[in-house]
Amino acid sequence: MAKGVSRALQAGIRWYQRSISAGQPRRCRYQPTCSAYTFESIEVHGAIKGTLLSIWRLLRCNQWSKGGVDWVPEKGKWPTKPLGYKELIALREQQEHDHQADSHGDGHDA
């Protein structure tokens, strides 16, 4: 039954994205958008916690917010502070560095 509730909520989100949101200018201050965040949070955390996370996100998405990158937390975790532009660039650079080290070997024997 819980999966059914989650699927129904997600169907409502998809309807909103295609019917209402698609015809309006983007207003969300976060990436991913609030509706995409809501869809994913329900997918990852289920209907109850996903809805709570979504409400918290919607309350933070306003004209006084800087916005930023705010990913859905991993299953079993709660949200952290959204990443600003500089933090996101630093994270991407670290991920690229880690990826290059993994693909070229780091000079250490396992």
PDB file of N, CA and C in Angstrom:
ATOM      1  N   MET A   1       0.824  -1.202   0.000  1.00  0.00           N
ATOM      2  CA  MET A   1       0.000   0.000   0.000  1.00  0.00           C
ATOM      3  C   MET A   1       0.864   1.260   0.000  1.00  0.00           C
ATOM      4  N   ALA A   2       1.988   1.228   0.734  1.00  0.00           N
ATOM      5  CA  ALA A   2       2.864   2.400   0.793  1.00  0.00           C
ATOM      6  C   ALA A   2       3.393   2.760  -0.590  1.00  0.00           C
ATOM      7  N   LYS A   3       3.740   1.733  -1.382  1.00  0.00           N
ATOM      8  CA  LYS A   3       4.219   1.995  -2.744  1.00  0.00           C
ATOM      9  C   LYS A   3       3.127   2.652  -3.576  1.00  0.00           C
ATOM     10  N   GLY A   4       1.884   2.238  -3.351  1.00  0.00           N
ATOM     11  CA  GLY A   4       0.766   2.817  -4.085  1.00  0.00           C
ATOM     12  C   GLY A   4       0.589   4.298  -3.778  1.00  0.00           C
ATOM     13  N   VAL A   5       0.745   4.659  -2.509  1.00  0.00           N
ATOM     14  CA  VAL A   5       0.647   6.069  -2.108  1.00  0.00           C
ATOM     15  C   VAL A   5       1.786   6.865  -2.742  1.00  0.00           C
ATOM     16  N   SER A   6       2.987   6.306  -2.700  1.00  0.00           N
ATOM     17  CA  SER A   6       4.140   6.985  -3.306  1.00  0.00           C
ATOM     18  C   SER A   6       3.918   7.195  -4.795  1.00  0.00           C
ATOM     19  N   ARG A   7       3.441   6.161  -5.479  1.00  0.00           N
ATOM     20  CA  ARG A   7       3.201   6.265  -6.931  1.00  0.00           C
ATOM     21  C   ARG A   7       2.117   7.301  -7.242  1.00  0.00           C
ATOM     22  N   ALA A   8       1.085   7.354  -6.417  1.00  0.00           N
ATOM     23  CA  ALA A   8       0.021   8.340  -6.633  1.00  0.00           C
ATOM     24  C   ALA A   8       0.555   9.761  -6.452  1.00  0.00           C
ATOM     25  N   LEU A   9       1.370   9.966  -5.420  1.00  0.00           N
ATOM     26  CA  LEU A   9       1.971  11.290  -5.211  1.00  0.00           C
ATOM     27  C   LEU A   9       2.879  11.660  -6.379  1.00  0.00           C
ATOM     28  N   GLN A  10       3.673  10.702  -6.843  1.00  0.00           N
ATOM     29  CA  GLN A  10       4.576  10.968  -7.959  1.00  0.00           C
ATOM     30  C   GLN A  10       3.802  11.249  -9.250  1.00  0.00           C
ATOM     31  N   ALA A  11       2.686  10.577  -9.445  1.00  0.00           N
ATOM     32  CA  ALA A  11       1.854  10.854 -10.620  1.00  0.00           C
ATOM     33  C   ALA A  11       1.325  12.286 -10.560  1.00  0.00           C
ATOM     34  N   GLY A  12       0.936  12.726  -9.370  1.00  0.00           N
ATOM     35  CA  GLY A  12       0.490  14.111  -9.204  1.00  0.00           C
ATOM     36  C   GLY A  12       1.596  15.112  -9.498  1.00  0.00           C
ATOM     37  N   ILE A  13       2.815  14.786  -9.096  1.00  0.00           N
ATOM     38  CA  ILE A  13       3.957  15.667  -9.367  1.00  0.00           C
ATOM     39  C   ILE A  13       4.218  15.735 -10.864  1.00  0.00           C
ATOM     40  N   ARG A  14       4.201  14.587 -11.544  1.00  0.00           N
ATOM     41  CA  ARG A  14       4.418  14.581 -13.001  1.00  0.00           C
ATOM     42  C   ARG A  14       3.332  15.394 -13.702  1.00  0.00           C
ATOM     43  N   TRP A  15       2.091  15.268 -13.251  1.00  0.00           N
ATOM     44  CA  TRP A  15       1.004  16.047 -13.838  1.00  0.00           C
ATOM     45  C   TRP A  15       1.292  17.538 -13.663  1.00  0.00           C
ATOM     46  N   TYR A  16       1.678  17.937 -12.456  1.00  0.00           N
ATOM     47  CA  TYR A  16       2.015  19.337 -12.185  1.00  0.00           C
ATOM     48  C   TYR A  16       3.143  19.809 -13.106  1.00  0.00           C
ATOM     49  N   GLN A  17       4.194  19.005 -13.242  1.00  0.00           N
ATOM     50  CA  GLN A  17       5.334  19.397 -14.071  1.00  0.00           C
ATOM     51  C   GLN A  17       4.934  19.591 -15.529  1.00  0.00           C
ATOM     52  N   ARG A  18       4.082  18.715 -16.042  1.00  0.00           N
ATOM     53  CA  ARG A  18       3.692  18.775 -17.460  1.00  0.00           C
ATOM     54  C   ARG A  18       2.569  19.765 -17.734  1.00  0.00           C
ATOM     55  N   SER A  19       1.662  19.933 -16.784  1.00  0.00           N
ATOM     56  CA  SER A  19       0.473  20.753 -17.025  1.00  0.00           C
ATOM     57  C   SER A  19       0.592  22.183 -16.534  1.00  0.00           C
ATOM     58  N   ILE A  20       1.175  22.394 -15.391  1.00  0.00           N
ATOM     59  CA  ILE A  20       1.210  23.725 -14.787  1.00  0.00           C
ATOM     60  C   ILE A  20       2.588  24.352 -14.914  1.00  0.00           C
ATOM     61  N   SER A  21       3.589  23.662 -14.431  1.00  0.00           N
ATOM     62  CA  SER A  21       4.942  24.213 -14.377  1.00  0.00           C
ATOM     63  C   SER A  21       5.540  24.455 -15.760  1.00  0.00           C
ATOM     64  N   ALA A  22       5.231  23.598 -16.712  1.00  0.00           N
ATOM     65  CA  ALA A  22       5.826  23.706 -18.050  1.00  0.00           C
ATOM     66  C   ALA A  22       5.486  25.028 -18.737  1.00  0.00           C
ATOM     67  N   GLY A  23       4.351  25.604 -18.424  1.00  0.00           N
ATOM     68  CA  GLY A  23       3.925  26.838 -19.065  1.00  0.00           C
ATOM     69  C   GLY A  23       4.322  28.101 -18.326  1.00  0.00           C
ATOM     70  N   GLN A  24       5.124  27.975 -17.281  1.00  0.00           N
ATOM     71  CA  GLN A  24       5.498  29.136 -16.479  1.00  0.00           C
ATOM     72  C   GLN A  24       7.010  29.306 -16.450  1.00  0.00           C
ATOM     73  N   PRO A  25       7.466  30.543 -16.241  1.00  0.00           N
ATOM     74  CA  PRO A  25       8.918  30.742 -16.115  1.00  0.00           C
ATOM     75  C   PRO A  25       9.442  30.064 -14.854  1.00  0.00           C
ATOM     76  N   ARG A  26      10.679  29.648 -14.927  1.00  0.00           N
ATOM     77  CA  ARG A  26      11.296  28.969 -13.778  1.00  0.00           C
ATOM     78  C   ARG A  26      11.454  29.954 -12.623  1.00  0.00           C
ATOM     79  N   ARG A  27      10.986  29.556 -11.442  1.00  0.00           N
ATOM     80  CA  ARG A  27      11.099  30.404 -10.261  1.00  0.00           C
ATOM     81  C   ARG A  27      11.887  29.749  -9.140  1.00  0.00           C
ATOM     82  N   CYS A  28      12.125  28.477  -9.258  1.00  0.00           N
ATOM     83  CA  CYS A  28      12.797  27.753  -8.184  1.00  0.00           C
ATOM     84  C   CYS A  28      14.233  28.243  -8.045  1.00  0.00           C
ATOM     85  N   ARG A  29      14.660  28.476  -6.813  1.00  0.00           N
ATOM     86  CA  ARG A  29      16.006  28.969  -6.532  1.00  0.00           C
ATOM     87  C   ARG A  29      17.003  27.836  -6.333  1.00  0.00           C
ATOM     88  N   TYR A  30      16.515  26.625  -6.408  1.00  0.00           N
ATOM     89  CA  TYR A  30      17.367  25.469  -6.152  1.00  0.00           C
ATOM     90  C   TYR A  30      17.501  24.593  -7.385  1.00  0.00           C
ATOM     91  N   GLN A  31      18.536  23.800  -7.363  1.00  0.00           N
ATOM     92  CA  GLN A  31      18.731  22.761  -8.356  1.00  0.00           C
ATOM     93  C   GLN A  31      18.877  21.463  -7.587  1.00  0.00           C
ATOM     94  N   PRO A  32      18.155  20.434  -7.838  1.00  0.00           N
ATOM     95  CA  PRO A  32      17.067  20.320  -8.796  1.00  0.00           C
ATOM     96  C   PRO A  32      15.859  21.163  -8.373  1.00  0.00           C
ATOM     97  N   THR A  33      14.940  21.350  -9.297  1.00  0.00           N
ATOM     98  CA  THR A  33      13.747  22.134  -8.981  1.00  0.00           C
ATOM     99  C   THR A  33      12.985  21.484  -7.828  1.00  0.00           C
ATOM    100  N   CYS A  34      12.109  22.248  -7.212  1.00  0.00           N
ATOM    101  CA  CYS A  34      11.349  21.726  -6.072  1.00  0.00           C
ATOM    102  C   CYS A  34      10.487  20.524  -6.468  1.00  0.00           C
ATOM    103  N   SER A  35       9.894  20.558  -7.652  1.00  0.00           N
ATOM    104  CA  SER A  35       9.065  19.412  -8.047  1.00  0.00           C
ATOM    105  C   SER A  35       9.925  18.182  -8.326  1.00  0.00           C
ATOM    106  N   ALA A  36      11.092  18.363  -8.943  1.00  0.00           N
ATOM    107  CA  ALA A  36      11.997  17.228  -9.171  1.00  0.00           C
ATOM    108  C   ALA A  36      12.514  16.690  -7.835  1.00  0.00           C
ATOM    109  N   TYR A  37      12.820  17.583  -6.902  1.00  0.00           N
ATOM    110  CA  TYR A  37      13.264  17.194  -5.558  1.00  0.00           C
ATOM    111  C   TYR A  37      12.173  16.377  -4.865  1.00  0.00           C
ATOM    112  N   THR A  38      10.936  16.845  -4.968  1.00  0.00           N
ATOM    113  CA  THR A  38       9.818  16.151  -4.340  1.00  0.00           C
ATOM    114  C   THR A  38       9.648  14.754  -4.919  1.00  0.00           C
ATOM    115  N   PHE A  39       9.681  14.650  -6.248  1.00  0.00           N
ATOM    116  CA  PHE A  39       9.545  13.351  -6.900  1.00  0.00           C
ATOM    117  C   PHE A  39      10.626  12.393  -6.405  1.00  0.00           C
ATOM    118  N   GLU A  40      11.877  12.855  -6.409  1.00  0.00           N
ATOM    119  CA  GLU A  40      12.993  11.999  -6.001  1.00  0.00           C
ATOM    120  C   GLU A  40      12.950  11.679  -4.506  1.00  0.00           C
ATOM    121  N   SER A  41      12.567  12.651  -3.683  1.00  0.00           N
ATOM    122  CA  SER A  41      12.532  12.384  -2.240  1.00  0.00           C
ATOM    123  C   SER A  41      11.494  11.318  -1.908  1.00  0.00           C
ATOM    124  N   ILE A  42      10.387  11.305  -2.620  1.00  0.00           N
ATOM    125  CA  ILE A  42       9.382  10.259  -2.420  1.00  0.00           C
ATOM    126  C   ILE A  42       9.912   8.923  -2.936  1.00  0.00           C
ATOM    127  N   GLU A  43      10.630   8.953  -4.046  1.00  0.00           N
ATOM    128  CA  GLU A  43      11.234   7.733  -4.598  1.00  0.00           C
ATOM    129  C   GLU A  43      12.236   7.119  -3.618  1.00  0.00           C
ATOM    130  N   VAL A  44      13.077   7.954  -3.025  1.00  0.00           N
ATOM    131  CA  VAL A  44      14.146   7.480  -2.141  1.00  0.00           C
ATOM    132  C   VAL A  44      13.639   7.154  -0.739  1.00  0.00           C
ATOM    133  N   HIS A  45      12.795   8.021  -0.184  1.00  0.00           N
ATOM    134  CA  HIS A  45      12.435   7.922   1.234  1.00  0.00           C
ATOM    135  C   HIS A  45      11.011   7.451   1.503  1.00  0.00           C
ATOM    136  N   GLY A  46      10.201   7.301   0.469  1.00  0.00           N
ATOM    137  CA  GLY A  46       8.818   6.901   0.672  1.00  0.00           C
ATOM    138  C   GLY A  46       7.910   8.108   0.857  1.00  0.00           C
ATOM    139  N   ALA A  47       6.614   7.834   0.946  1.00  0.00           N
ATOM    140  CA  ALA A  47       5.613   8.901   0.951  1.00  0.00           C
ATOM    141  C   ALA A  47       5.718   9.828   2.161  1.00  0.00           C
ATOM    142  N   ILE A  48       5.909   9.291   3.346  1.00  0.00           N
ATOM    143  CA  ILE A  48       5.873  10.133   4.549  1.00  0.00           C
ATOM    144  C   ILE A  48       7.121  11.002   4.665  1.00  0.00           C
ATOM    145  N   LYS A  49       8.288  10.384   4.735  1.00  0.00           N
ATOM    146  CA  LYS A  49       9.514  11.174   4.872  1.00  0.00           C
ATOM    147  C   LYS A  49       9.758  12.012   3.619  1.00  0.00           C
ATOM    148  N   GLY A  50       9.451  11.464   2.446  1.00  0.00           N
ATOM    149  CA  GLY A  50       9.611  12.226   1.211  1.00  0.00           C
ATOM    150  C   GLY A  50       8.763  13.488   1.205  1.00  0.00           C
ATOM    151  N   THR A  51       7.541  13.380   1.706  1.00  0.00           N
ATOM    152  CA  THR A  51       6.663  14.549   1.792  1.00  0.00           C
ATOM    153  C   THR A  51       7.202  15.556   2.804  1.00  0.00           C
ATOM    154  N   LEU A  52       7.694  15.075   3.943  1.00  0.00           N
ATOM    155  CA  LEU A  52       8.280  15.985   4.941  1.00  0.00           C
ATOM    156  C   LEU A  52       9.492  16.728   4.370  1.00  0.00           C
ATOM    157  N   LEU A  53      10.362  16.007   3.686  1.00  0.00           N
ATOM    158  CA  LEU A  53      11.523  16.651   3.059  1.00  0.00           C
ATOM    159  C   LEU A  53      11.079  17.690   2.033  1.00  0.00           C
ATOM    160  N   SER A  54      10.043  17.368   1.284  1.00  0.00           N
ATOM    161  CA  SER A  54       9.542  18.283   0.256  1.00  0.00           C
ATOM    162  C   SER A  54       8.945  19.547   0.865  1.00  0.00           C
ATOM    163  N   ILE A  55       8.215  19.391   1.950  1.00  0.00           N
ATOM    164  CA  ILE A  55       7.645  20.563   2.633  1.00  0.00           C
ATOM    165  C   ILE A  55       8.767  21.460   3.136  1.00  0.00           C
ATOM    166  N   TRP A  56       9.787  20.858   3.740  1.00  0.00           N
ATOM    167  CA  TRP A  56      10.931  21.636   4.224  1.00  0.00           C
ATOM    168  C   TRP A  56      11.595  22.379   3.068  1.00  0.00           C
ATOM    169  N   ARG A  57      11.735  21.725   1.929  1.00  0.00           N
ATOM    170  CA  ARG A  57      12.341  22.363   0.752  1.00  0.00           C
ATOM    171  C   ARG A  57      11.487  23.525   0.277  1.00  0.00           C
ATOM    172  N   LEU A  58      10.187  23.313   0.163  1.00  0.00           N
ATOM    173  CA  LEU A  58       9.291  24.375  -0.310  1.00  0.00           C
ATOM    174  C   LEU A  58       9.305  25.579   0.624  1.00  0.00           C
ATOM    175  N   LEU A  59       9.419  25.343   1.919  1.00  0.00           N
ATOM    176  CA  LEU A  59       9.492  26.453   2.874  1.00  0.00           C
ATOM    177  C   LEU A  59      10.779  27.266   2.700  1.00  0.00           C
ATOM    178  N   ARG A  60      11.840  26.619   2.251  1.00  0.00           N
ATOM    179  CA  ARG A  60      13.127  27.307   2.066  1.00  0.00           C
ATOM    180  C   ARG A  60      13.239  27.996   0.715  1.00  0.00           C
ATOM    181  N   CYS A  61      12.411  27.651  -0.237  1.00  0.00           N
ATOM    182  CA  CYS A  61      12.499  28.209  -1.587  1.00  0.00           C
ATOM    183  C   CYS A  61      11.657  29.487  -1.645  1.00  0.00           C
ATOM    184  N   ASN A  62      12.302  30.599  -1.347  1.00  0.00           N
ATOM    185  CA  ASN A  62      11.602  31.879  -1.319  1.00  0.00           C
ATOM    186  C   ASN A  62      12.565  32.994  -1.724  1.00  0.00           C
ATOM    187  N   GLN A  63      12.062  34.209  -1.809  1.00  0.00           N
ATOM    188  CA  GLN A  63      12.868  35.333  -2.289  1.00  0.00           C
ATOM    189  C   GLN A  63      14.025  35.691  -1.361  1.00  0.00           C
ATOM    190  N   TRP A  64      14.018  35.229  -0.122  1.00  0.00           N
ATOM    191  CA  TRP A  64      15.109  35.534   0.811  1.00  0.00           C
ATOM    192  C   TRP A  64      16.200  34.465   0.799  1.00  0.00           C
ATOM    193  N   SER A  65      15.966  33.424   0.057  1.00  0.00           N
ATOM    194  CA  SER A  65      16.919  32.314  -0.002  1.00  0.00           C
ATOM    195  C   SER A  65      17.926  32.522  -1.127  1.00  0.00           C
ATOM    196  N   LYS A  66      19.183  32.177  -0.863  1.00  0.00           N
ATOM    197  CA  LYS A  66      20.201  32.209  -1.920  1.00  0.00           C
ATOM    198  C   LYS A  66      20.002  31.067  -2.899  1.00  0.00           C
ATOM    199  N   GLY A  67      19.348  30.016  -2.453  1.00  0.00           N
ATOM    200  CA  GLY A  67      19.187  28.839  -3.299  1.00  0.00           C
ATOM    201  C   GLY A  67      20.474  28.040  -3.322  1.00  0.00           C
ATOM    202  N   GLY A  68      20.707  27.362  -4.408  1.00  0.00           N
ATOM    203  CA  GLY A  68      21.908  26.553  -4.552  1.00  0.00           C
ATOM    204  C   GLY A  68      21.560  25.144  -4.984  1.00  0.00           C
ATOM    205  N   VAL A  69      22.520  24.266  -4.845  1.00  0.00           N
ATOM    206  CA  VAL A  69      22.311  22.865  -5.190  1.00  0.00           C
ATOM    207  C   VAL A  69      21.914  22.128  -3.921  1.00  0.00           C
ATOM    208  N   ASP A  70      20.762  21.513  -3.949  1.00  0.00           N
ATOM    209  CA  ASP A  70      20.188  20.868  -2.770  1.00  0.00           C
ATOM    210  C   ASP A  70      19.686  19.486  -3.173  1.00  0.00           C
ATOM    211  N   TRP A  71      20.585  18.507  -3.122  1.00  0.00           N
ATOM    212  CA  TRP A  71      20.213  17.157  -3.512  1.00  0.00           C
ATOM    213  C   TRP A  71      19.375  16.489  -2.443  1.00  0.00           C
ATOM    214  N   VAL A  72      18.589  15.530  -2.861  1.00  0.00           N
ATOM    215  CA  VAL A  72      17.839  14.699  -1.920  1.00  0.00           C
ATOM    216  C   VAL A  72      18.858  13.901  -1.109  1.00  0.00           C
ATOM    217  N   PRO A  73      18.724  13.903   0.219  1.00  0.00           N
ATOM    218  CA  PRO A  73      19.682  13.137   1.027  1.00  0.00           C
ATOM    219  C   PRO A  73      19.552  11.635   0.767  1.00  0.00           C
ATOM    220  N   GLU A  74      20.637  10.919   1.039  1.00  0.00           N
ATOM    221  CA  GLU A  74      20.625   9.468   0.890  1.00  0.00           C
ATOM    222  C   GLU A  74      19.599   8.859   1.839  1.00  0.00           C
ATOM    223  N   LYS A  75      19.152   7.671   1.490  1.00  0.00           N
ATOM    224  CA  LYS A  75      18.181   6.960   2.330  1.00  0.00           C
ATOM    225  C   LYS A  75      18.733   6.843   3.748  1.00  0.00           C
ATOM    226  N   GLY A  76      17.901   7.177   4.730  1.00  0.00           N
ATOM    227  CA  GLY A  76      18.301   7.104   6.130  1.00  0.00           C
ATOM    228  C   GLY A  76      18.950   8.373   6.660  1.00  0.00           C
ATOM    229  N   LYS A  77      19.152   9.374   5.802  1.00  0.00           N
ATOM    230  CA  LYS A  77      19.787  10.622   6.235  1.00  0.00           C
ATOM    231  C   LYS A  77      18.804  11.778   6.096  1.00  0.00           C
ATOM    232  N   TRP A  78      19.166  12.889   6.736  1.00  0.00           N
ATOM    233  CA  TRP A  78      18.382  14.118   6.651  1.00  0.00           C
ATOM    234  C   TRP A  78      19.191  15.159   5.891  1.00  0.00           C
ATOM    235  N   PRO A  79      18.550  16.226   5.429  1.00  0.00           N
ATOM    236  CA  PRO A  79      19.247  17.198   4.582  1.00  0.00           C
ATOM    237  C   PRO A  79      20.368  17.937   5.294  1.00  0.00           C
ATOM    238  N   THR A  80      21.323  18.369   4.495  1.00  0.00           N
ATOM    239  CA  THR A  80      22.383  19.248   4.962  1.00  0.00           C
ATOM    240  C   THR A  80      22.189  20.597   4.284  1.00  0.00           C
ATOM    241  N   LYS A  81      23.060  21.524   4.577  1.00  0.00           N
ATOM    242  CA  LYS A  81      22.980  22.854   3.968  1.00  0.00           C
ATOM    243  C   LYS A  81      23.196  22.737   2.451  1.00  0.00           C
ATOM    244  N   PRO A  82      22.379  23.426   1.644  1.00  0.00           N
ATOM    245  CA  PRO A  82      22.584  23.393   0.199  1.00  0.00           C
ATOM    246  C   PRO A  82      23.963  23.936  -0.176  1.00  0.00           C
ATOM    247  N   LEU A  83      24.493  23.442  -1.269  1.00  0.00           N
ATOM    248  CA  LEU A  83      25.787  23.916  -1.747  1.00  0.00           C
ATOM    249  C   LEU A  83      25.621  25.211  -2.519  1.00  0.00           C
ATOM    250  N   GLY A  84      26.466  26.192  -2.223  1.00  0.00           N
ATOM    251  CA  GLY A  84      26.533  27.405  -3.015  1.00  0.00           C
ATOM    252  C   GLY A  84      27.415  27.164  -4.234  1.00  0.00           C
ATOM    253  N   TYR A  85      27.562  28.172  -5.079  1.00  0.00           N
ATOM    254  CA  TYR A  85      28.311  28.027  -6.325  1.00  0.00           C
ATOM    255  C   TYR A  85      29.759  27.619  -6.068  1.00  0.00           C
ATOM    256  N   LYS A  86      30.447  28.306  -5.166  1.00  0.00           N
ATOM    257  CA  LYS A  86      31.857  27.994  -4.902  1.00  0.00           C
ATOM    258  C   LYS A  86      32.017  26.591  -4.322  1.00  0.00           C
ATOM    259  N   GLU A  87      31.115  26.206  -3.432  1.00  0.00           N
ATOM    260  CA  GLU A  87      31.180  24.866  -2.846  1.00  0.00           C
ATOM    261  C   GLU A  87      30.936  23.792  -3.902  1.00  0.00           C
ATOM    262  N   LEU A  88      30.003  24.077  -4.821  1.00  0.00           N
ATOM    263  CA  LEU A  88      29.706  23.126  -5.881  1.00  0.00           C
ATOM    264  C   LEU A  88      30.908  22.955  -6.808  1.00  0.00           C
ATOM    265  N   ILE A  89      31.555  24.061  -7.174  1.00  0.00           N
ATOM    266  CA  ILE A  89      32.741  23.988  -8.036  1.00  0.00           C
ATOM    267  C   ILE A  89      33.839  23.186  -7.338  1.00  0.00           C
ATOM    268  N   ALA A  90      34.061  23.442  -6.052  1.00  0.00           N
ATOM    269  CA  ALA A  90      35.086  22.707  -5.305  1.00  0.00           C
ATOM    270  C   ALA A  90      34.753  21.212  -5.254  1.00  0.00           C
ATOM    271  N   LEU A  91      33.485  20.875  -5.052  1.00  0.00           N
ATOM    272  CA  LEU A  91      33.075  19.478  -5.023  1.00  0.00           C
ATOM    273  C   LEU A  91      33.310  18.821  -6.373  1.00  0.00           C
ATOM    274  N   ARG A  92      32.919  19.499  -7.448  1.00  0.00           N
ATOM    275  CA  ARG A  92      33.107  18.947  -8.801  1.00  0.00           C
ATOM    276  C   ARG A  92      34.588  18.752  -9.112  1.00  0.00           C
ATOM    277  N   GLU A  93      35.419  19.706  -8.717  1.00  0.00           N
ATOM    278  CA  GLU A  93      36.861  19.569  -8.945  1.00  0.00           C
ATOM    279  C   GLU A  93      37.418  18.386  -8.164  1.00  0.00           C
ATOM    280  N   GLN A  94      36.976  18.202  -6.927  1.00  0.00           N
ATOM    281  CA  GLN A  94      37.432  17.069  -6.125  1.00  0.00           C
ATOM    282  C   GLN A  94      36.974  15.751  -6.741  1.00  0.00           C
ATOM    283  N   GLN A  95      35.728  15.716  -7.209  1.00  0.00           N
ATOM    284  CA  GLN A  95      35.224  14.501  -7.840  1.00  0.00           C
ATOM    285  C   GLN A  95      36.009  14.184  -9.108  1.00  0.00           C
ATOM    286  N   GLU A  96      36.321  15.204  -9.901  1.00  0.00           N
ATOM    287  CA  GLU A  96      37.108  15.009 -11.123  1.00  0.00           C
ATOM    288  C   GLU A  96      38.504  14.504 -10.772  1.00  0.00           C
ATOM    289  N   HIS A  97      39.114  15.093  -9.761  1.00  0.00           N
ATOM    290  CA  HIS A  97      40.439  14.660  -9.312  1.00  0.00           C
ATOM    291  C   HIS A  97      40.396  13.204  -8.851  1.00  0.00           C
ATOM    292  N   ASP A  98      39.388  12.855  -8.060  1.00  0.00           N
ATOM    293  CA  ASP A  98      39.249  11.481  -7.575  1.00  0.00           C
ATOM    294  C   ASP A  98      39.037  10.509  -8.732  1.00  0.00           C
ATOM    295  N   HIS A  99      38.230  10.920  -9.714  1.00  0.00           N
ATOM    296  CA  HIS A  99      37.957  10.070 -10.872  1.00  0.00           C
ATOM    297  C   HIS A  99      39.228   9.838 -11.685  1.00  0.00           C
ATOM    298  N   GLN A 100      40.009  10.899 -11.891  1.00  0.00           N
ATOM    299  CA  GLN A 100      41.260  10.761 -12.637  1.00  0.00           C
ATOM    300  C   GLN A 100      42.240   9.868 -11.891  1.00  0.00           C
ATOM    301  N   ALA A 101      42.316  10.012 -10.584  1.00  0.00           N
ATOM    302  CA  ALA A 101      43.216   9.172  -9.787  1.00  0.00           C
ATOM    303  C   ALA A 101      42.795   7.707  -9.872  1.00  0.00           C
ATOM    304  N   ASP A 102      41.482   7.462  -9.848  1.00  0.00           N
ATOM    305  CA  ASP A 102      40.983   6.091  -9.940  1.00  0.00           C
ATOM    306  C   ASP A 102      41.254   5.483 -11.311  1.00  0.00           C
ATOM    307  N   SER A 103      41.095   6.274 -12.373  1.00  0.00           N
ATOM    308  CA  SER A 103      41.255   5.731 -13.718  1.00  0.00           C
ATOM    309  C   SER A 103      42.715   5.597 -14.136  1.00  0.00           C
ATOM    310  N   HIS A 104      43.613   6.359 -13.525  1.00  0.00           N
ATOM    311  CA  HIS A 104      45.031   6.287 -13.867  1.00  0.00           C
ATOM    312  C   HIS A 104      45.849   5.554 -12.814  1.00  0.00           C
ATOM    313  N   GLY A 105      45.220   5.154 -11.751  1.00  0.00           N
ATOM    314  CA  GLY A 105      45.957   4.536 -10.641  1.00  0.00           C
ATOM    315  C   GLY A 105      46.626   5.621  -9.833  1.00  0.00           C
ATOM    316  N   ASP A 106      46.765   5.399  -8.569  1.00  0.00           N
ATOM    317  CA  ASP A 106      47.343   6.432  -7.706  1.00  0.00           C
ATOM    318  C   ASP A 106      48.776   6.126  -7.304  1.00  0.00           C
ATOM    319  N   GLY A 107      49.382   5.117  -7.955  1.00  0.00           N
ATOM    320  CA  GLY A 107      50.771   4.805  -7.665  1.00  0.00           C
ATOM    321  C   GLY A 107      50.957   3.899  -6.474  1.00  0.00           C
ATOM    322  N   HIS A 108      49.859   3.496  -5.860  1.00  0.00           N
ATOM    323  CA  HIS A 108      49.933   2.603  -4.706  1.00  0.00           C
ATOM    324  C   HIS A 108      49.493   1.211  -5.127  1.00  0.00           C
ATOM    325  N   ASP A 109      50.155   0.216  -4.613  1.00  0.00           N
ATOM    326  CA  ASP A 109      49.744  -1.160  -4.868  1.00  0.00           C
ATOM    327  C   ASP A 109      48.696  -1.561  -3.850  1.00  0.00           C
ATOM    328  N   ALA A 110      47.699  -2.287  -4.313  1.00  0.00           N
ATOM    329  CA  ALA A 110      46.632  -2.723  -3.404  1.00  0.00           C
ATOM    330  C   ALA A 110      46.998  -4.017  -2.729  1.00  0.00           C
TER     331      ALA A 110
END
